[in-house]
């Protein structure tokens, strides 16, 4: 079938029979096939035609395929041309590396599988076709821009004759345009960092998971060696800082896992008063001012506490000689007419939580960059530059907004606009802090020896988690995929609990949980994940306990206790059965 927009494909081989076979295989693509029996003919055809894909035989007399590929890549016109090698002999890894260094994008072994060859050529031909179409669009766009620029220049000559009132309007329009571009750039930056963070968070948390599991178990085995204990504790602290850094990046990118609930801001601040006192020191006086009957807000209590702590520590650093820090909570209503409300905040009822200090303050340049990730005015080793960016991400992900105001020598005010919890039953008080969580553990009367099926495709994480579980006295059976887990359960044998990783090839942890809910509704499942977001199609229609990576032994102990003690979920028909 003839392609309406065919591209040129160059077939290079010194054997006419092979050229004919390639022509027969690729003829159904509808592209223009050009044949060359030598490197010299190939170069001539390249100079004569716009070639999208070059199919090169590795073994040719005079000039072999590797040398031809290098010659093609040396020409500036052919830097992006797709080169595919066809090799009738077994190539070693060094040969493949040599080919890739020469400029190849792919290999096709002989005997050639027609479907494979067509698929590979089709991909690069389509890429070339789309690139060519994009270049045409860019040329048209440049022409339109040139025409628009000429029109704007003509308009500028006319505008110069207008009165001062028109000049003021032009300046206002220019400022609006700059603000729009700045907002667009900020949105693109957040999206880019979000994609990067999401891509590395899972793997990074898996690495931290393996490190922290090993360090925590090692900590128990060096109890008599003070120096070894100190080294292990330092390494464990560093790993926990790495985990916190990943969480802050996820917060800025608005991809952290949130558990929103009705939170009483005065009660939360009251619960963290001792923590603030220790963090800020005796030189900073904390003042609390809250509207009477302040409604609860809908937010993750732990993340709100962390955000207030980050902002308060920043205020402390801005007041090296001491000062006053005021935490204020007031009602706010947004209906689109408030000048003081953050831009793009949806209409509704909010609680405005502000933290103000009388410290050094920030100038306009620093204030404009205050929420950028990794931007800090503190010295080396005194800050990551992720505090305010994390607060900004939390506010946006919660449906609220962050507003900053500051004047050098006067101080800074950080405002969090948080939506009111409309259907709150009981406001949540201060959240459980990490130090309290680590201290929490089962008593000996609560201990149960369980047979646990551990599903994780990462052997390092699986080994560390298994060791922690066995150290708790449980029996662990490890498998590397959801398919192996289902096969093991089908063979029989007693399993009390399944702990599964979420991101796995083939079948995800959520899909495995769905299948187990249908096959074994009485079997408890815990989902361990190093990345908060569930991929499209992985949304659950039932509650599933989550164990965010990296976790410590106390975390996994608590998760098991909650999973075992929770009432069994009611069995519900599944809309779609997961398959292995």
Protein backbone atom coordinates (compact mmCIF):
# COMPACT_ATOMS: atom_id res chain seq x y z
CA UNK A 1 0.00 0.00 0.00
CA UNK A 2 1.43 3.36 -1.05
CA UNK A 3 2.10 5.74 1.82
CA UNK A 4 0.68 9.26 1.21
CA UNK A 5 3.87 10.78 2.64
CA UNK A 6 6.62 8.19 1.99
CA UNK A 7 10.16 8.56 3.28
CA UNK A 8 13.35 7.18 1.74
CA UNK A 9 14.91 4.03 3.18
CA UNK A 10 18.43 3.16 2.02
CA UNK A 11 19.35 -0.58 1.85
CA UNK A 12 23.13 -1.18 1.80
CA UNK A 13 24.46 -4.71 1.09
CA UNK A 14 27.01 -6.12 -1.36
CA UNK A 15 24.82 -9.16 -2.02
CA UNK A 16 21.97 -8.53 -4.52
CA UNK A 17 19.95 -11.42 -3.15
CA UNK A 18 19.83 -9.92 0.32
CA UNK A 19 18.84 -6.54 -1.11
CA UNK A 20 15.95 -8.19 -2.91
CA UNK A 21 14.86 -9.94 0.28
CA UNK A 22 14.93 -6.67 2.23
CA UNK A 23 12.95 -5.04 -0.55
CA UNK A 24 10.34 -7.79 -0.38
CA UNK A 25 10.07 -7.56 3.41
CA UNK A 26 9.83 -3.77 3.57
CA UNK A 27 7.70 -3.26 0.46
CA UNK A 28 4.45 -3.42 2.43
CA UNK A 29 5.44 -0.33 4.44
CA UNK A 30 4.68 1.89 1.46
CA UNK A 31 8.00 3.76 1.76
CA UNK A 32 10.52 4.53 -1.01
CA UNK A 33 13.29 1.88 -1.00
CA UNK A 34 16.71 2.82 -2.39
CA UNK A 35 19.40 0.15 -2.84
CA UNK A 36 23.19 0.47 -2.71
CA UNK A 37 25.71 -2.34 -3.23
CA UNK A 38 28.70 -0.61 -1.63
CA UNK A 39 29.69 2.15 0.77
CA UNK A 40 30.49 4.46 -2.14
CA UNK A 41 27.01 4.02 -3.64
CA UNK A 42 25.45 4.49 -0.20
CA UNK A 43 27.20 7.83 0.34
CA UNK A 44 26.17 8.97 -3.13
CA UNK A 45 22.53 8.13 -2.43
CA UNK A 46 22.69 9.91 0.92
CA UNK A 47 23.90 13.09 -0.74
CA UNK A 48 21.24 12.82 -3.43
CA UNK A 49 18.17 11.98 -1.32
CA UNK A 50 16.65 12.80 2.06
CA UNK A 51 17.19 9.43 3.77
CA UNK A 52 15.19 8.55 6.89
CA UNK A 53 16.65 5.09 7.72
CA UNK A 54 19.81 3.30 6.54
CA UNK A 55 19.92 -0.53 6.73
CA UNK A 56 23.63 -1.49 6.69
CA UNK A 57 25.25 -4.92 6.35
CA UNK A 58 28.08 -5.26 8.87
CA UNK A 59 30.31 -7.41 6.61
CA UNK A 60 31.07 -5.79 3.27
CA UNK A 61 34.27 -5.74 1.19
CA UNK A 62 36.47 -2.64 1.05
CA UNK A 63 34.50 -0.67 3.66
CA UNK A 64 32.57 -2.60 6.32
CA UNK A 65 29.37 -1.47 8.00
CA UNK A 66 31.11 0.04 11.04
CA UNK A 67 33.37 2.20 8.86
CA UNK A 68 30.45 3.29 6.69
CA UNK A 69 28.43 4.30 9.78
CA UNK A 70 31.35 6.37 11.06
CA UNK A 71 31.70 8.10 7.64
CA UNK A 72 27.97 8.89 7.61
CA UNK A 73 28.02 10.34 11.11
CA UNK A 74 30.97 12.61 10.24
CA UNK A 75 28.80 14.51 7.78
CA UNK A 76 26.78 17.27 9.52
CA UNK A 77 23.66 16.48 7.44
CA UNK A 78 23.42 12.92 8.75
CA UNK A 79 23.87 13.42 12.51
CA UNK A 80 20.28 12.32 13.22
CA UNK A 81 19.84 9.72 10.45
CA UNK A 82 18.78 6.34 11.90
CA UNK A 83 21.37 3.60 11.19
CA UNK A 84 20.38 -0.06 11.68
CA UNK A 85 23.02 -2.82 11.39
CA UNK A 86 22.22 -6.24 9.94
CA UNK A 87 24.68 -8.91 11.05
CA UNK A 88 24.86 -12.54 9.84
CA UNK A 89 27.45 -13.45 12.47
CA UNK A 90 27.24 -13.50 16.25
CA UNK A 91 28.40 -10.16 17.59
CA UNK A 92 30.13 -9.85 20.93
CA UNK A 93 29.32 -7.07 23.38
CA UNK A 94 32.47 -5.27 22.23
CA UNK A 95 31.28 -5.47 18.60
CA UNK A 96 27.89 -4.06 19.61
CA UNK A 97 29.57 -1.29 21.60
CA UNK A 98 31.73 -0.50 18.57
CA UNK A 99 28.61 -0.27 16.43
CA UNK A 100 26.83 2.03 18.84
CA UNK A 101 29.92 4.22 19.07
CA UNK A 102 29.93 4.39 15.26
CA UNK A 103 26.40 5.77 15.36
CA UNK A 104 24.05 2.78 15.11
CA UNK A 105 20.65 2.98 16.77
CA UNK A 106 19.72 -0.70 16.54
CA UNK A 107 20.79 -4.24 15.44
CA UNK A 108 18.93 -6.89 13.47
CA UNK A 109 20.41 -10.42 13.55
CA UNK A 110 20.34 -12.83 10.58
CA UNK A 111 18.24 -14.81 9.76
CA UNK A 112 16.03 -11.76 9.60
CA UNK A 113 12.56 -12.06 11.10
CA UNK A 114 10.41 -10.05 8.66
CA UNK A 115 8.00 -8.78 11.32
CA UNK A 116 10.88 -7.58 13.53
CA UNK A 117 12.66 -5.83 10.66
CA UNK A 118 9.46 -4.14 9.51
CA UNK A 119 8.63 -3.03 13.04
CA UNK A 120 12.08 -1.52 13.63
CA UNK A 121 12.17 0.28 10.28
CA UNK A 122 8.58 1.47 10.67
CA UNK A 123 9.39 3.11 14.04
CA UNK A 124 12.35 5.11 12.71
CA UNK A 125 10.58 5.97 9.44
CA UNK A 126 7.61 7.32 11.34
CA UNK A 127 9.95 9.28 13.65
CA UNK A 128 11.63 10.85 10.60
CA UNK A 129 8.25 11.65 9.05
CA UNK A 130 7.04 13.37 12.21
CA UNK A 131 10.34 15.24 12.57
CA UNK A 132 10.01 16.46 9.00
CA UNK A 133 6.42 17.56 9.64
CA UNK A 134 7.55 19.36 12.78
CA UNK A 135 10.23 21.19 10.84
CA UNK A 136 7.62 22.33 8.34
CA UNK A 137 5.39 23.53 11.16
CA UNK A 138 8.33 25.35 12.75
CA UNK A 139 9.07 27.06 9.45
CA UNK A 140 5.44 28.13 9.15
CA UNK A 141 5.48 29.30 12.75
CA UNK A 142 8.63 31.33 12.16
CA UNK A 143 6.99 32.92 9.14
CA UNK A 144 3.92 33.78 11.19
CA UNK A 145 6.13 35.17 13.96
CA UNK A 146 8.01 37.26 11.41
CA UNK A 147 4.74 38.58 9.99
CA UNK A 148 3.41 39.27 13.48
CA UNK A 149 6.67 40.97 14.43
CA UNK A 150 6.45 43.18 11.36
CA UNK A 151 2.86 44.04 12.24
CA UNK A 152 3.87 44.84 15.81
CA UNK A 153 6.66 47.10 14.56
CA UNK A 154 4.17 48.95 12.38
CA UNK A 155 1.82 49.22 15.33
CA UNK A 156 4.65 50.53 17.48
CA UNK A 157 5.22 53.40 15.06
CA UNK A 158 1.54 54.23 15.33
CA UNK A 159 1.52 53.88 19.12
CA UNK A 160 4.36 56.37 19.41
CA UNK A 161 1.94 59.02 18.17
CA UNK A 162 -0.66 58.19 20.77
CA UNK A 163 -1.09 60.14 23.99
CA UNK A 164 0.33 59.30 27.41
CA UNK A 165 -2.81 57.41 28.41
CA UNK A 166 -2.16 54.81 25.72
CA UNK A 167 1.46 54.47 26.85
CA UNK A 168 0.28 53.67 30.36
CA UNK A 169 -2.03 50.97 28.98
CA UNK A 170 0.84 49.43 27.02
CA UNK A 171 2.99 49.26 30.14
CA UNK A 172 0.18 47.57 32.06
CA UNK A 173 -0.30 45.08 29.25
CA UNK A 174 3.41 44.31 29.21
CA UNK A 175 3.42 43.63 32.94
CA UNK A 176 0.45 41.29 32.57
CA UNK A 177 2.25 39.41 29.80
CA UNK A 178 5.41 39.05 31.90
CA UNK A 179 3.37 37.75 34.82
CA UNK A 180 1.64 35.23 32.56
CA UNK A 181 4.98 34.03 31.19
CA UNK A 182 6.38 33.77 34.71
CA UNK A 183 3.37 31.69 35.80
CA UNK A 184 3.75 29.47 32.74
CA UNK A 185 7.46 28.99 33.45
CA UNK A 186 6.73 28.15 37.08
CA UNK A 187 4.09 25.58 36.05
CA UNK A 188 6.48 23.99 33.55
CA UNK A 189 9.25 23.91 36.15
CA UNK A 190 7.01 22.24 38.73
CA UNK A 191 5.83 19.68 36.18
CA UNK A 192 9.40 18.91 35.09
CA UNK A 193 10.64 18.43 38.63
CA UNK A 194 7.53 16.39 39.38
CA UNK A 195 8.28 14.01 36.53
CA UNK A 196 11.93 13.75 37.56
CA UNK A 197 11.02 13.19 41.20
CA UNK A 198 8.43 10.58 40.36
CA UNK A 199 10.91 8.75 38.17
CA UNK A 200 13.64 8.46 40.81
CA UNK A 201 11.62 8.33 44.04
CA UNK A 202 10.73 4.64 43.79
CA UNK A 203 14.28 3.44 43.05
CA UNK A 204 15.87 5.87 45.52
CA UNK A 205 13.51 4.80 48.31
CA UNK A 206 14.21 1.15 47.52
CA UNK A 207 17.94 1.77 47.97
CA UNK A 208 17.33 3.62 51.23
CA UNK A 209 15.02 0.81 52.31
CA UNK A 210 17.79 -1.79 51.90
CA UNK A 211 20.32 0.44 53.68
CA UNK A 212 18.08 1.27 56.63
CA UNK A 213 16.95 -2.33 57.11
CA UNK A 214 20.52 -3.58 57.24
CA UNK A 215 21.69 -0.76 59.50
CA UNK A 216 18.84 -1.20 61.96
CA UNK A 217 19.48 -4.94 62.28
CA UNK A 218 23.22 -4.34 62.52
CA UNK A 219 22.55 -1.87 65.31
CA UNK A 220 21.23 -4.71 67.47
CA UNK A 221 24.29 -6.87 66.84
CA UNK A 222 26.95 -4.34 67.90
CA UNK A 223 25.39 -3.47 71.23
CA UNK A 224 28.68 -3.93 73.07
CA UNK A 225 30.82 -1.79 70.76
CA UNK A 226 30.29 1.93 71.45
CA UNK A 227 32.28 3.06 68.41
CA UNK A 228 30.41 0.69 66.09
CA UNK A 229 27.09 1.83 67.54
CA UNK A 230 28.03 5.47 66.84
CA UNK A 231 28.99 4.67 63.25
CA UNK A 232 25.79 2.73 62.61
CA UNK A 233 23.66 5.47 64.17
CA UNK A 234 25.37 8.11 61.99
CA UNK A 235 24.76 6.03 58.86
CA UNK A 236 21.13 5.43 59.84
CA UNK A 237 20.63 9.16 60.46
CA UNK A 238 22.08 9.92 57.02
CA UNK A 239 19.73 7.41 55.39
CA UNK A 240 16.75 8.95 57.20
CA UNK A 241 17.82 12.38 55.94
CA UNK A 242 17.88 10.95 52.43
CA UNK A 243 14.34 9.67 52.92
CA UNK A 244 13.24 13.08 54.21
CA UNK A 245 14.86 14.75 51.20
CA UNK A 246 12.88 12.51 48.83
CA UNK A 247 9.66 13.32 50.69
CA UNK A 248 10.37 17.04 50.41
CA UNK A 249 10.95 16.72 46.68
CA UNK A 250 7.66 14.82 46.36
CA UNK A 251 5.97 17.53 48.40
CA UNK A 252 7.27 20.29 46.13
CA UNK A 253 6.24 18.28 43.06
CA UNK A 254 2.79 17.75 44.65
CA UNK A 255 3.18 13.96 44.41
CA UNK A 256 3.44 13.02 48.05
CA UNK A 257 0.87 10.75 49.62
CA UNK A 258 -1.53 12.79 51.74
CA UNK A 259 -4.06 11.58 54.28
CA UNK A 260 -6.41 14.57 54.59
CA UNK A 261 -8.56 14.79 57.68
CA UNK A 262 -10.33 17.41 59.74
CA UNK A 263 -7.61 19.19 61.70
CA UNK A 264 -8.06 21.78 64.42
CA UNK A 265 -5.23 24.23 63.86
CA UNK A 266 -5.20 25.59 67.47
CA UNK A 267 -5.13 22.03 68.85
CA UNK A 268 -2.34 21.05 66.46
CA UNK A 269 -0.21 24.07 67.40
CA UNK A 270 -0.87 23.36 71.08
CA UNK A 271 0.30 19.77 70.60
CA UNK A 272 3.55 20.87 68.97
CA UNK A 273 4.32 23.64 71.47
CA UNK A 274 7.08 21.66 73.19
CA UNK A 275 8.58 20.74 69.83
CA UNK A 276 8.62 24.41 68.77
CA UNK A 277 10.18 25.45 72.07
CA UNK A 278 13.05 22.97 71.61
CA UNK A 279 13.53 23.84 67.94
CA UNK A 280 13.43 27.64 68.32
CA UNK A 281 15.35 28.01 71.58
CA UNK A 282 14.81 30.38 74.46
CA UNK A 283 15.65 33.49 72.42
CA UNK A 284 12.46 33.30 70.35
CA UNK A 285 9.12 34.17 71.94
CA UNK A 286 6.16 32.32 70.42
CA UNK A 287 2.81 34.13 70.32
CA UNK A 288 -0.41 32.32 69.33
CA UNK A 289 -3.50 34.16 68.10
CA UNK A 290 -6.55 32.28 66.82
CA UNK A 291 -10.08 33.38 65.97
CA UNK A 292 -12.67 31.97 68.37
CA UNK A 293 -14.52 28.92 67.02
CA UNK A 294 -12.01 28.54 64.19
CA UNK A 295 -13.35 25.77 61.91
CA UNK A 296 -11.22 22.68 61.25
CA UNK A 297 -9.31 22.45 57.97
CA UNK A 298 -9.00 19.55 55.55
CA UNK A 299 -5.30 18.62 55.40
CA UNK A 300 -2.77 15.94 56.32
CA UNK A 301 -2.03 16.69 59.97
CA UNK A 302 1.54 15.33 59.86
CA UNK A 303 2.40 17.39 56.79
CA UNK A 304 0.86 20.55 58.27
CA UNK A 305 2.90 20.12 61.43
CA UNK A 306 6.04 19.61 59.35
CA UNK A 307 5.24 22.71 57.26
CA UNK A 308 4.74 24.90 60.35
CA UNK A 309 7.96 23.55 61.85
CA UNK A 310 9.90 24.31 58.64
CA UNK A 311 8.56 27.87 58.47
CA UNK A 312 9.26 28.44 62.18
CA UNK A 313 12.86 27.22 61.87
CA UNK A 314 13.36 29.57 58.90
CA UNK A 315 12.04 32.41 61.08
CA UNK A 316 14.43 31.45 63.89
CA UNK A 317 17.38 31.58 61.47
CA UNK A 318 16.27 35.05 60.35
CA UNK A 319 16.40 36.22 64.01
CA UNK A 320 19.91 35.25 65.21
CA UNK A 321 19.65 37.67 68.15
CA UNK A 322 16.19 36.48 69.13
CA UNK A 323 12.77 37.94 68.50
CA UNK A 324 9.07 37.17 68.34
CA UNK A 325 7.29 34.58 66.21
CA UNK A 326 3.53 34.90 65.85
CA UNK A 327 1.32 32.02 64.71
CA UNK A 328 -2.10 33.33 63.77
CA UNK A 329 -5.25 31.57 62.52
CA UNK A 330 -8.15 33.52 61.00
CA UNK A 331 -11.22 32.81 58.93
CA UNK A 332 -11.16 33.80 55.26
CA UNK A 333 -13.69 33.69 52.47
CA UNK A 334 -12.71 33.86 48.80
CA UNK A 335 -15.28 34.97 46.23
CA UNK A 336 -12.97 36.49 43.61
CA UNK A 337 -13.00 40.09 44.93
CA UNK A 338 -10.40 39.90 47.71
CA UNK A 339 -7.20 41.75 46.89
CA UNK A 340 -5.32 40.04 49.70
CA UNK A 341 -6.16 36.45 48.67
CA UNK A 342 -3.57 34.50 46.62
CA UNK A 343 -4.19 34.45 42.90
CA UNK A 344 -6.04 31.53 41.29
CA UNK A 345 -7.47 30.42 44.63
CA UNK A 346 -10.89 28.86 44.08
CA UNK A 347 -13.89 30.49 45.77
CA UNK A 348 -14.79 29.02 49.13
CA UNK A 349 -14.13 29.14 52.86
CA UNK A 350 -10.56 28.95 54.13
CA UNK A 351 -8.52 29.24 57.28
CA UNK A 352 -5.54 31.54 56.87
CA UNK A 353 -2.65 30.24 59.00
CA UNK A 354 0.18 32.77 59.14
CA UNK A 355 3.63 32.61 60.72
CA UNK A 356 5.23 36.04 61.17
CA UNK A 357 8.64 37.06 62.47
CA UNK A 358 10.47 40.35 63.05
CA UNK A 359 13.75 39.14 61.59
CA UNK A 360 16.03 40.25 58.78
CA UNK A 361 13.39 39.91 56.05
CA UNK A 362 13.96 39.35 52.32
CA UNK A 363 14.43 41.71 49.40
CA UNK A 364 12.36 41.38 46.22
CA UNK A 365 14.85 39.14 44.40
CA UNK A 366 15.13 36.66 47.27
CA UNK A 367 11.37 36.73 47.86
CA UNK A 368 10.70 35.92 44.20
CA UNK A 369 12.86 32.80 44.43
CA UNK A 370 11.99 31.73 47.96
CA UNK A 371 9.86 28.74 46.91
CA UNK A 372 12.31 27.45 44.28
CA UNK A 373 13.68 23.99 45.15
CA UNK A 374 17.27 23.98 46.44
CA UNK A 375 17.40 27.79 46.58
CA UNK A 376 18.73 28.97 49.93
CA UNK A 377 20.54 31.99 51.30
CA UNK A 378 21.94 29.96 54.18
CA UNK A 379 25.51 28.77 54.27
CA UNK A 380 26.74 25.39 53.05
CA UNK A 381 25.40 22.57 55.20
CA UNK A 382 22.81 24.80 56.93
CA UNK A 383 19.83 24.15 54.68
CA UNK A 384 18.62 22.19 51.66
CA UNK A 385 16.50 24.94 50.16
CA UNK A 386 13.46 22.64 50.17
CA UNK A 387 11.56 23.96 53.23
CA UNK A 388 9.38 26.61 51.59
CA UNK A 389 9.13 24.63 48.34
CA UNK A 390 7.72 21.73 50.35
CA UNK A 391 5.20 24.04 52.04
CA UNK A 392 4.25 25.49 48.64
CA UNK A 393 3.67 21.99 47.23
CA UNK A 394 1.62 20.93 50.25
CA UNK A 395 -0.63 23.99 49.98
CA UNK A 396 -1.25 23.46 46.27
CA UNK A 397 -1.86 19.71 46.63
CA UNK A 398 -4.33 20.36 49.45
CA UNK A 399 -6.36 22.79 47.34
CA UNK A 400 -5.06 25.89 49.08
CA UNK A 401 -2.25 28.34 48.42
CA UNK A 402 0.91 29.83 49.89
CA UNK A 403 1.45 33.59 50.12
CA UNK A 404 4.72 35.24 51.14
CA UNK A 405 5.37 38.84 52.12
CA UNK A 406 8.58 40.33 53.48
CA UNK A 407 10.48 43.56 53.95
CA UNK A 408 14.20 43.83 54.70
CA UNK A 409 14.80 44.80 58.32
CA UNK A 410 11.12 44.39 59.27
CA UNK A 411 10.36 40.69 58.95
CA UNK A 412 8.56 38.00 56.97
CA UNK A 413 5.03 36.63 56.96
CA UNK A 414 4.20 33.19 55.54
CA UNK A 415 0.49 32.54 54.96
CA UNK A 416 -1.06 29.13 54.34
CA UNK A 417 -4.61 29.32 52.95
CA UNK A 418 -6.20 25.94 53.75
CA UNK A 419 -9.74 24.84 52.76
CA UNK A 420 -12.22 24.39 55.59
CA UNK A 421 -13.31 20.81 56.26
CA UNK A 422 -16.98 20.97 55.27
CA UNK A 423 -18.15 17.69 56.82
CA UNK A 424 -15.84 17.41 59.80
CA UNK A 425 -17.03 15.19 62.65
CA UNK A 426 -14.15 15.40 65.08
CA UNK A 427 -11.17 17.69 64.47
CA UNK A 428 -7.84 15.94 64.62
CA UNK A 429 -5.37 17.10 67.21
CA UNK A 430 -1.62 17.14 66.83
CA UNK A 431 -0.28 14.24 64.76
CA UNK A 432 1.96 11.50 66.02
CA UNK A 433 5.55 12.59 65.51
CA UNK A 434 8.27 10.43 64.07
CA UNK A 435 10.04 10.14 67.42
CA UNK A 436 6.83 8.89 69.04
CA UNK A 437 6.18 6.55 66.14
CA UNK A 438 9.58 4.94 66.45
CA UNK A 439 9.04 4.40 70.13
CA UNK A 440 5.66 2.75 69.56
CA UNK A 441 5.75 -1.04 69.42
CA UNK A 442 3.71 -4.06 70.34
CA UNK A 443 3.89 -5.36 73.84
CA UNK A 444 4.88 -8.99 74.24
CA UNK A 445 1.23 -9.91 74.81
CA UNK A 446 0.36 -8.59 71.36
CA UNK A 447 3.08 -10.54 69.55
CA UNK A 448 1.93 -13.18 67.07
CA UNK A 449 4.16 -15.42 65.01
CA UNK A 450 2.90 -15.08 61.44
CA UNK A 451 3.69 -16.73 58.15
CA UNK A 452 4.19 -13.79 55.79
CA UNK A 453 4.42 -13.88 52.01
CA UNK A 454 6.81 -11.12 50.87
CA UNK A 455 6.47 -10.04 47.21
CA UNK A 456 9.17 -7.71 45.85
CA UNK A 457 11.12 -7.77 42.59
CA UNK A 458 14.09 -5.95 44.16
CA UNK A 459 16.31 -8.54 45.82
CA UNK A 460 18.04 -5.97 48.06
CA UNK A 461 14.76 -4.68 49.44
CA UNK A 462 13.36 -8.20 49.78
CA UNK A 463 16.42 -9.39 51.70
CA UNK A 464 16.34 -6.42 54.09
CA UNK A 465 12.60 -6.63 54.73
CA UNK A 466 12.77 -10.39 55.21
CA UNK A 467 15.56 -9.99 57.74
CA UNK A 468 13.54 -7.45 59.74
CA UNK A 469 10.48 -9.70 59.72
CA UNK A 470 12.47 -12.75 60.80
CA UNK A 471 14.08 -10.66 63.53
CA UNK A 472 10.54 -10.01 64.79
CA UNK A 473 10.02 -13.78 64.93
CA UNK A 474 7.88 -14.24 61.83
CA UNK A 475 8.27 -16.88 59.13
CA UNK A 476 8.86 -15.33 55.71
CA UNK A 477 8.38 -16.76 52.25
CA UNK A 478 9.89 -14.59 49.52
CA UNK A 479 8.83 -14.36 45.87
CA UNK A 480 9.93 -11.91 43.18
CA UNK A 481 6.64 -11.30 41.32
CA UNK A 482 2.88 -11.32 41.66
CA UNK A 483 2.69 -14.35 39.39
CA UNK A 484 4.96 -16.34 41.72
CA UNK A 485 2.85 -15.23 44.70
CA UNK A 486 -0.38 -16.46 43.09
CA UNK A 487 1.27 -19.72 42.07
CA UNK A 488 2.52 -20.29 45.63
CA UNK A 489 -0.93 -19.61 47.09
CA UNK A 490 -2.57 -21.96 44.59
CA UNK A 491 -0.22 -24.77 45.69
CA UNK A 492 -1.61 -24.40 49.20
CA UNK A 493 0.18 -23.78 52.45
CA UNK A 494 -0.71 -21.45 55.29
CA UNK A 495 -0.16 -17.72 54.75
CA UNK A 496 -1.35 -15.16 57.33
CA UNK A 497 -0.34 -11.94 55.59
CA UNK A 498 0.95 -10.68 52.24
CA UNK A 499 3.34 -7.71 52.02
CA UNK A 500 3.73 -6.66 48.38
CA UNK A 501 5.67 -3.98 46.58
CA UNK A 502 3.53 -1.77 44.37
CA UNK A 503 5.70 -1.12 41.30
CA UNK A 504 6.54 -4.52 39.79
CA UNK A 505 6.75 -5.75 36.20
CA UNK A 506 3.82 -7.76 34.86
CA UNK A 507 1.29 -7.28 37.65
CA UNK A 508 1.47 -4.40 40.12
CA UNK A 509 0.93 -4.74 43.85
CA UNK A 510 -2.52 -3.17 43.59
CA UNK A 511 -3.56 -5.64 40.88
CA UNK A 512 -2.29 -8.49 43.06
CA UNK A 513 -4.33 -7.13 45.98
CA UNK A 514 -7.45 -7.01 43.78
CA UNK A 515 -6.95 -10.61 42.72
CA UNK A 516 -6.33 -11.78 46.29
CA UNK A 517 -9.43 -9.91 47.46
CA UNK A 518 -11.45 -12.02 45.05
CA UNK A 519 -9.64 -15.33 45.66
CA UNK A 520 -8.82 -15.00 49.38
CA UNK A 521 -10.97 -12.23 50.93
CA UNK A 522 -9.79 -13.24 54.41
CA UNK A 523 -6.10 -12.75 53.54
CA UNK A 524 -4.68 -9.44 54.76
CA UNK A 525 -2.49 -7.46 52.33
CA UNK A 526 -0.09 -4.57 52.99
CA UNK A 527 1.08 -2.45 50.05
CA UNK A 528 4.69 -1.22 50.31
CA UNK A 529 5.62 1.57 47.94
CA UNK A 530 8.54 3.92 47.41
CA UNK A 531 6.40 6.33 45.39
CA UNK A 532 3.13 7.88 46.54
CA UNK A 533 1.34 8.07 43.19
CA UNK A 534 -0.62 5.08 41.89
CA UNK A 535 -0.41 4.72 38.15
CA UNK A 536 -3.50 5.12 35.98
CA UNK A 537 -5.78 2.12 36.42
CA UNK A 538 -4.39 1.30 39.86
CA UNK A 539 -7.00 3.15 41.89
CA UNK A 540 -8.47 0.91 44.56
CA UNK A 541 -12.15 0.42 45.29
CA UNK A 542 -11.34 -0.82 48.79
CA UNK A 543 -9.06 0.18 51.66
CA UNK A 544 -5.53 -1.21 51.52
CA UNK A 545 -2.96 -0.54 54.27
CA UNK A 546 0.05 1.34 52.90
CA UNK A 547 3.66 1.04 54.07
CA UNK A 548 5.69 3.88 52.52
CA UNK A 549 9.33 3.15 51.80
CA UNK A 550 11.81 3.46 53.31
CA UNK A 551 10.42 2.04 56.53
CA UNK A 552 12.03 0.94 59.79
CA UNK A 553 11.33 -2.17 61.81
CA UNK A 554 8.90 -0.30 64.07
CA UNK A 555 6.96 0.89 61.00
CA UNK A 556 6.55 -2.60 59.57
CA UNK A 557 5.70 -3.93 63.02
CA UNK A 558 2.95 -1.33 63.42
CA UNK A 559 1.60 -1.94 59.91
CA UNK A 560 1.34 -5.68 60.57
CA UNK A 561 -0.44 -5.03 63.85
CA UNK A 562 -2.96 -2.71 62.20
CA UNK A 563 -3.55 -5.10 59.30
CA UNK A 564 -4.10 -8.14 61.53
CA UNK A 565 -6.25 -6.32 64.09
CA UNK A 566 -8.46 -4.59 61.50
CA UNK A 567 -11.81 -6.23 60.70
CA UNK A 568 -11.84 -8.16 57.41
CA UNK A 569 -13.14 -6.13 54.46
CA UNK A 570 -16.51 -7.21 53.00
CA UNK A 571 -16.22 -9.24 49.84
CA UNK A 572 -17.30 -7.28 46.78
CA UNK A 573 -17.47 -8.32 43.13
CA UNK A 574 -14.60 -7.02 41.05
CA UNK A 575 -15.27 -5.13 37.86
CA UNK A 576 -12.10 -6.40 36.17
CA UNK A 577 -10.12 -9.49 37.06
CA UNK A 578 -6.37 -8.96 37.10
CA UNK A 579 -4.36 -11.39 35.02
CA UNK A 580 -0.82 -12.65 35.39
